[in-house]
C-alpha atoms as a PDB file:
ATOM      1  CA  MET A   1      95.437  96.122  85.403  1.00  0.00           C
ATOM      2  CA  SER A   2      95.693  97.161  89.044  1.00  0.00           C
ATOM      3  CA  VAL A   3      98.137  99.886  90.013  1.00  0.00           C
ATOM      4  CA  LEU A   4      99.153  98.115  93.218  1.00  0.00           C
ATOM      5  CA  SER A   5      98.598  94.633  94.622  1.00  0.00           C
ATOM      6  CA  VAL A   6      99.406  93.857  98.247  1.00  0.00           C
ATOM      7  CA  ASN A   7      99.774  90.123  98.824  1.00  0.00           C
ATOM      8  CA  ASN A   8     100.028  88.432 102.253  1.00  0.00           C
ATOM      9  CA  LEU A   9     102.039  91.305 103.674  1.00  0.00           C
ATOM     10  CA  SER A  10     103.550  90.987 107.165  1.00  0.00           C
ATOM     11  CA  VAL A  11     105.685  93.625 108.875  1.00  0.00           C
ATOM     12  CA  VAL A  12     107.798  93.376 112.028  1.00  0.00           C
ATOM     13  CA  LYS A  13     109.163  96.440 113.829  1.00  0.00           C
ATOM     14  CA  ARG A  14     111.558  96.175 116.739  1.00  0.00           C
ATOM     15  CA  ASP A  15     110.758  92.458 117.108  1.00  0.00           C
ATOM     16  CA  ARG A  16     107.013  93.137 117.299  1.00  0.00           C
ATOM     17  CA  LEU A  17     104.658  91.863 114.640  1.00  0.00           C
ATOM     18  CA  LEU A  18     102.677  94.912 113.519  1.00  0.00           C
ATOM     19  CA  PHE A  19     100.375  93.092 111.112  1.00  0.00           C
ATOM     20  CA  SER A  20     100.290  89.939 109.022  1.00  0.00           C
ATOM     21  CA  LYS A  21      98.665  88.573 105.869  1.00  0.00           C
ATOM     22  CA  VAL A  22      97.378  91.932 104.691  1.00  0.00           C
ATOM     23  CA  ASN A  23      95.837  91.801 101.214  1.00  0.00           C
ATOM     24  CA  PHE A  24      94.250  94.483  99.064  1.00  0.00           C
ATOM     25  CA  VAL A  25      94.274  95.844  95.515  1.00  0.00           C
ATOM     26  CA  VAL A  26      94.549  99.448  94.383  1.00  0.00           C
ATOM     27  CA  ASN A  27      92.993 100.131  90.995  1.00  0.00           C
ATOM     28  CA  PRO A  28      93.313 103.201  88.740  1.00  0.00           C
ATOM     29  CA  GLY A  29      91.022 105.966  89.938  1.00  0.00           C
ATOM     30  CA  SER A  30      90.573 104.433  93.389  1.00  0.00           C
ATOM     31  CA  LEU A  31      90.935 105.971  96.832  1.00  0.00           C
ATOM     32  CA  THR A  32      92.102 103.580  99.564  1.00  0.00           C
ATOM     33  CA  TYR A  33      91.768 104.790 103.139  1.00  0.00           C
ATOM     34  CA  LEU A  34      94.039 103.022 105.632  1.00  0.00           C
ATOM     35  CA  LYS A  35      92.607 102.902 109.158  1.00  0.00           C
ATOM     36  CA  GLY A  36      93.746 101.632 112.545  1.00  0.00           C
ATOM     37  CA  VAL A  37      94.547 102.823 116.066  1.00  0.00           C
ATOM     38  CA  ASN A  38      97.914 104.339 116.914  1.00  0.00           C
ATOM     39  CA  GLY A  39     100.573 101.645 116.824  1.00  0.00           C
ATOM     40  CA  ALA A  40      98.689  99.395 114.411  1.00  0.00           C
ATOM     41  CA  GLY A  41     101.321  99.965 111.738  1.00  0.00           C
ATOM     42  CA  LYS A  42      99.723 102.399 109.286  1.00  0.00           C
ATOM     43  CA  THR A  43     102.875 104.433 108.691  1.00  0.00           C
ATOM     44  CA  SER A  44     104.973 101.271 108.467  1.00  0.00           C
ATOM     45  CA  LEU A  45     102.618  99.861 105.849  1.00  0.00           C
ATOM     46  CA  LEU A  46     102.773 103.053 103.793  1.00  0.00           C
ATOM     47  CA  ARG A  47     106.564 103.008 103.941  1.00  0.00           C
ATOM     48  CA  VAL A  48     106.529  99.428 102.667  1.00  0.00           C
ATOM     49  CA  LEU A  49     104.162 100.413  99.863  1.00  0.00           C
ATOM     50  CA  ALA A  50     106.502 103.268  98.948  1.00  0.00           C
ATOM     51  CA  GLY A  51     109.434 100.842  98.753  1.00  0.00           C
ATOM     52  CA  LEU A  52     111.319 102.505 101.600  1.00  0.00           C
ATOM     53  CA  VAL A  53     111.464  99.354 103.742  1.00  0.00           C
ATOM     54  CA  GLU A  54     110.973  95.687 102.954  1.00  0.00           C
ATOM     55  CA  PRO A  55     108.268  93.576 104.598  1.00  0.00           C
ATOM     56  CA  GLU A  56     108.912  90.550 106.779  1.00  0.00           C
ATOM     57  CA  SER A  57     106.976  88.487 104.251  1.00  0.00           C
ATOM     58  CA  GLY A  58     104.642  88.959 101.313  1.00  0.00           C
ATOM     59  CA  GLU A  59     105.038  91.299  98.366  1.00  0.00           C
ATOM     60  CA  VAL A  60     103.872  94.550  96.805  1.00  0.00           C
ATOM     61  CA  LEU A  61     103.315  94.545  93.048  1.00  0.00           C
ATOM     62  CA  PHE A  62     103.225  97.597  90.808  1.00  0.00           C
ATOM     63  CA  GLN A  63     101.270  96.778  87.656  1.00  0.00           C
ATOM     64  CA  GLY A  64     101.995  93.099  88.250  1.00  0.00           C
ATOM     65  CA  GLU A  65     105.716  93.385  89.049  1.00  0.00           C
ATOM     66  CA  ASN A  66     107.384  93.340  92.461  1.00  0.00           C
ATOM     67  CA  ILE A  67     108.313  96.917  93.350  1.00  0.00           C
ATOM     68  CA  GLN A  68     111.798  95.766  94.338  1.00  0.00           C
ATOM     69  CA  ASN A  69     112.369  94.681  90.736  1.00  0.00           C
ATOM     70  CA  CYS A  70     111.111  97.850  89.028  1.00  0.00           C
ATOM     71  CA  ARG A  71     112.399 100.569  91.314  1.00  0.00           C
ATOM     72  CA  ASN A  72     113.025 103.225  88.643  1.00  0.00           C
ATOM     73  CA  ASP A  73     109.680 102.762  86.916  1.00  0.00           C
ATOM     74  CA  TYR A  74     107.865 102.700  90.246  1.00  0.00           C
ATOM     75  CA  ALA A  75     109.629 105.805  91.566  1.00  0.00           C
ATOM     76  CA  GLY A  76     108.737 107.659  88.382  1.00  0.00           C
ATOM     77  CA  ASN A  77     105.049 106.924  88.916  1.00  0.00           C
ATOM     78  CA  LEU A  78     104.896 107.518  92.660  1.00  0.00           C
ATOM     79  CA  VAL A  79     104.651 110.505  94.976  1.00  0.00           C
ATOM     80  CA  TYR A  80     105.081 109.689  98.675  1.00  0.00           C
ATOM     81  CA  PHE A  81     104.224 112.161 101.436  1.00  0.00           C
ATOM     82  CA  GLY A  82     105.359 111.035 104.880  1.00  0.00           C
ATOM     83  CA  HIS A  83     105.481 112.553 108.356  1.00  0.00           C
ATOM     84  CA  LYS A  84     108.676 114.451 107.549  1.00  0.00           C
ATOM     85  CA  LEU A  85     108.054 117.311 105.138  1.00  0.00           C
ATOM     86  CA  GLY A  86     111.241 116.801 103.152  1.00  0.00           C
ATOM     87  CA  VAL A  87     112.004 120.519 102.814  1.00  0.00           C
ATOM     88  CA  ASN A  88     115.226 122.423 103.408  1.00  0.00           C
ATOM     89  CA  GLN A  89     114.646 125.004 106.130  1.00  0.00           C
ATOM     90  CA  THR A  90     117.298 127.395 104.771  1.00  0.00           C
ATOM     91  CA  LEU A  91     115.834 127.490 101.243  1.00  0.00           C
ATOM     92  CA  SER A  92     112.796 129.451 100.124  1.00  0.00           C
ATOM     93  CA  ALA A  93     109.558 127.853  98.972  1.00  0.00           C
ATOM     94  CA  VAL A  94     110.486 128.454  95.323  1.00  0.00           C
ATOM     95  CA  GLU A  95     113.976 127.032  95.796  1.00  0.00           C
ATOM     96  CA  ASN A  96     112.632 123.950  97.596  1.00  0.00           C
ATOM     97  CA  ILE A  97     110.141 123.164  94.837  1.00  0.00           C
ATOM     98  CA  LEU A  98     112.602 123.757  91.998  1.00  0.00           C
ATOM     99  CA  PHE A  99     115.117 121.475  93.722  1.00  0.00           C
ATOM    100  CA  TRP A 100     112.483 118.763  94.227  1.00  0.00           C
ATOM    101  CA  CYS A 101     111.402 118.972  90.588  1.00  0.00           C
ATOM    102  CA  GLN A 102     114.997 118.705  89.412  1.00  0.00           C
ATOM    103  CA  LEU A 103     115.611 115.733  91.712  1.00  0.00           C
ATOM    104  CA  HIS A 104     112.533 113.937  90.349  1.00  0.00           C
ATOM    105  CA  ASN A 105     113.059 114.886  86.691  1.00  0.00           C
ATOM    106  CA  VAL A 106     109.907 117.003  86.617  1.00  0.00           C
ATOM    107  CA  ALA A 107     110.006 119.737  83.973  1.00  0.00           C
ATOM    108  CA  THR A 108     108.709 123.086  85.218  1.00  0.00           C
ATOM    109  CA  SER A 109     109.502 126.791  85.292  1.00  0.00           C
ATOM    110  CA  THR A 110     109.931 129.407  87.981  1.00  0.00           C
ATOM    111  CA  ASN A 111     106.748 131.117  86.784  1.00  0.00           C
ATOM    112  CA  ARG A 112     104.825 127.868  87.198  1.00  0.00           C
ATOM    113  CA  VAL A 113     106.160 127.499  90.741  1.00  0.00           C
ATOM    114  CA  TYR A 114     104.912 130.986  91.630  1.00  0.00           C
ATOM    115  CA  GLU A 115     101.503 130.146  90.114  1.00  0.00           C
ATOM    116  CA  VAL A 116     101.148 126.985  92.199  1.00  0.00           C
ATOM    117  CA  LEU A 117     102.248 128.719  95.400  1.00  0.00           C
ATOM    118  CA  ALA A 118      99.696 131.448  94.713  1.00  0.00           C
ATOM    119  CA  SER A 119      96.958 128.814  94.334  1.00  0.00           C
ATOM    120  CA  LEU A 120      98.019 127.498  97.747  1.00  0.00           C
ATOM    121  CA  ASN A 121      97.602 130.962  99.290  1.00  0.00           C
ATOM    122  CA  LEU A 122     101.323 131.547  99.749  1.00  0.00           C
ATOM    123  CA  VAL A 123     101.575 134.851  97.887  1.00  0.00           C
ATOM    124  CA  GLY A 124     104.314 137.024  99.375  1.00  0.00           C
ATOM    125  CA  LEU A 125     105.975 134.055 101.070  1.00  0.00           C
ATOM    126  CA  GLU A 126     107.588 132.491  98.006  1.00  0.00           C
ATOM    127  CA  ASP A 127     111.117 133.817  98.608  1.00  0.00           C
ATOM    128  CA  ILE A 128     111.261 133.610 102.392  1.00  0.00           C
ATOM    129  CA  PRO A 129     113.350 130.827 103.960  1.00  0.00           C
ATOM    130  CA  ILE A 130     111.060 127.983 105.000  1.00  0.00           C
ATOM    131  CA  THR A 131     112.179 128.240 108.614  1.00  0.00           C
ATOM    132  CA  HIS A 132     110.296 131.571 108.937  1.00  0.00           C
ATOM    133  CA  LEU A 133     106.960 130.101 107.798  1.00  0.00           C
ATOM    134  CA  SER A 134     104.305 128.627 110.080  1.00  0.00           C
ATOM    135  CA  ALA A 135     103.813 124.868 110.335  1.00  0.00           C
ATOM    136  CA  GLY A 136     100.759 125.054 108.097  1.00  0.00           C
ATOM    137  CA  GLN A 137     102.549 127.192 105.510  1.00  0.00           C
ATOM    138  CA  GLN A 138     105.524 124.825 105.463  1.00  0.00           C
ATOM    139  CA  ARG A 139     103.139 121.944 104.927  1.00  0.00           C
ATOM    140  CA  ARG A 140     101.545 123.690 101.957  1.00  0.00           C
ATOM    141  CA  VAL A 141     104.981 124.138 100.402  1.00  0.00           C
ATOM    142  CA  ALA A 142     105.696 120.435 100.860  1.00  0.00           C
ATOM    143  CA  LEU A 143     102.291 119.466  99.449  1.00  0.00           C
ATOM    144  CA  ALA A 144     102.902 121.628  96.370  1.00  0.00           C
ATOM    145  CA  ARG A 145     104.865 118.722  94.869  1.00  0.00           C
ATOM    146  CA  PHE A 146     101.515 117.061  94.093  1.00  0.00           C
ATOM    147  CA  TRP A 147     100.730 119.937  91.741  1.00  0.00           C
ATOM    148  CA  PHE A 148     103.928 119.170  89.800  1.00  0.00           C
ATOM    149  CA  LYS A 149     103.666 115.390  89.511  1.00  0.00           C
ATOM    150  CA  ASP A 150      99.982 114.858  88.849  1.00  0.00           C
ATOM    151  CA  ASN A 151     100.869 112.574  85.927  1.00  0.00           C
ATOM    152  CA  ALA A 152     102.037 109.946  88.439  1.00  0.00           C
ATOM    153  CA  LYS A 153      99.927 106.820  88.799  1.00  0.00           C
ATOM    154  CA  LEU A 154      99.992 106.601  92.601  1.00  0.00           C
ATOM    155  CA  TRP A 155     100.025 108.992  95.531  1.00  0.00           C
ATOM    156  CA  ILE A 156     100.786 107.629  99.012  1.00  0.00           C
ATOM    157  CA  LEU A 157      99.792 110.129 101.713  1.00  0.00           C
ATOM    158  CA  ASP A 158     100.531 109.755 105.414  1.00  0.00           C
ATOM    159  CA  GLU A 159      98.448 112.210 107.446  1.00  0.00           C
ATOM    160  CA  PRO A 160      98.464 114.906 104.729  1.00  0.00           C
ATOM    161  CA  PHE A 161      95.948 117.185 106.490  1.00  0.00           C
ATOM    162  CA  THR A 162      98.013 117.688 109.659  1.00  0.00           C
ATOM    163  CA  ALA A 163      98.542 121.409 110.476  1.00  0.00           C
ATOM    164  CA  LEU A 164      96.346 122.562 107.583  1.00  0.00           C
ATOM    165  CA  ASP A 165      93.535 125.027 108.168  1.00  0.00           C
ATOM    166  CA  VAL A 166      90.037 124.624 106.701  1.00  0.00           C
ATOM    167  CA  ASP A 167      91.011 126.301 103.422  1.00  0.00           C
ATOM    168  CA  GLY A 168      94.138 124.166 103.109  1.00  0.00           C
ATOM    169  CA  ILE A 169      92.168 120.977 103.670  1.00  0.00           C
ATOM    170  CA  ALA A 170      89.625 122.039 101.042  1.00  0.00           C
ATOM    171  CA  LEU A 171      92.377 122.789  98.511  1.00  0.00           C
ATOM    172  CA  LEU A 172      94.032 119.417  99.041  1.00  0.00           C
ATOM    173  CA  ASN A 173      90.714 117.554  98.951  1.00  0.00           C
ATOM    174  CA  HIS A 174      89.867 119.171  95.624  1.00  0.00           C
ATOM    175  CA  HIS A 175      93.254 118.302  94.142  1.00  0.00           C
ATOM    176  CA  ILE A 176      93.055 114.690  95.328  1.00  0.00           C
ATOM    177  CA  ILE A 177      89.630 114.294  93.693  1.00  0.00           C
ATOM    178  CA  GLU A 178      90.961 115.889  90.502  1.00  0.00           C
ATOM    179  CA  PHE A 179      93.844 113.395  90.458  1.00  0.00           C
ATOM    180  CA  LEU A 180      91.500 110.468  91.059  1.00  0.00           C
ATOM    181  CA  THR A 181      89.082 111.470  88.306  1.00  0.00           C
ATOM    182  CA  LYS A 182      92.014 111.516  85.865  1.00  0.00           C
ATOM    183  CA  GLY A 183      92.736 107.877  86.707  1.00  0.00           C
ATOM    184  CA  GLY A 184      95.335 108.299  89.429  1.00  0.00           C
ATOM    185  CA  ALA A 185      95.210 106.135  92.561  1.00  0.00           C
ATOM    186  CA  VAL A 186      95.580 107.286  96.167  1.00  0.00           C
ATOM    187  CA  VAL A 187      96.424 105.354  99.332  1.00  0.00           C
ATOM    188  CA  MET A 188      96.251 107.465 102.452  1.00  0.00           C
ATOM    189  CA  THR A 189      95.733 107.626 106.179  1.00  0.00           C
ATOM    190  CA  SER A 190      94.431 110.453 108.339  1.00  0.00           C
ATOM    191  CA  HIS A 191      93.747 111.057 112.030  1.00  0.00           C
ATOM    192  CA  GLN A 192      90.981 113.424 110.983  1.00  0.00           C
ATOM    193  CA  SER A 193      87.665 112.238 109.643  1.00  0.00           C
ATOM    194  CA  LEU A 194      88.018 111.784 105.903  1.00  0.00           C
ATOM    195  CA  GLN A 195      85.830 114.329 104.134  1.00  0.00           C
ATOM    196  CA  ILE A 196      86.666 113.598 100.511  1.00  0.00           C
ATOM    197  CA  ASP A 197      83.514 113.299  98.429  1.00  0.00           C
ATOM    198  CA  TYR A 198      84.654 110.255  96.485  1.00  0.00           C
ATOM    199  CA  PRO A 199      84.017 106.478  96.696  1.00  0.00           C
ATOM    200  CA  THR A 200      86.457 105.062  99.222  1.00  0.00           C
ATOM    201  CA  ALA A 201      87.767 101.578  99.943  1.00  0.00           C
ATOM    202  CA  GLU A 202      88.843 101.035 103.541  1.00  0.00           C
ATOM    203  CA  VAL A 203      91.651  98.827 104.850  1.00  0.00           C
ATOM    204  CA  THR A 204      91.753  98.432 108.635  1.00  0.00           C
ATOM    205  CA  LEU A 205      94.841  97.275 110.530  1.00  0.00           C
ATOM    206  CA  GLU A 206      94.175  95.605 113.875  1.00  0.00           C
ATOM    207  CA  TYR A 207      96.504  96.410 116.758  1.00  0.00           C
ATOM    208  CA  LYS A 208      98.454  93.313 117.820  1.00  0.00           C
ATOM    209  CA  ILE A 209      99.542  93.043 121.447  1.00  0.00           C
END
């Protein structure tokens, strides 16, 4: 059974039709790359897929059921990464991750948090308030959530490589491939050329004037 089915989806934003009759299927272990020029509606589509906004028409199904009718089950199997990092600037990296795990009912330990931050090259920065970290370091902290919910069935990533250096991009690429090979599904968009060594399905949104 498919993880996600997008059926005849249309989205309007500020009285402008962004796209209409979009259809695609996301299967377990598949990487779907969403493409389109600025303003085509990529972020809006991802927000619809994440259940944050409702479409003008059409539907999104999670394992055959409309996501609006299975919100709890869907949320438990989804990790969404949007433009906003979703971190508290006054809290440390460790505190941010522990809070996120508690909010999403993810069992972990402080030691595990330190281990993940170390793997993301954040040693020595774990207990510093986020506001004192660079943009790239803050982004790594936010992306760490994918190391704690890799049993989810779907990751939705909106420009995840922004502000990451070469090493950060390589780390995230490796983790995405690891998630995919375990049967997870990924839908993502990126301004940068996608360099993930994995079979990719592409969905292109056309800009509507």
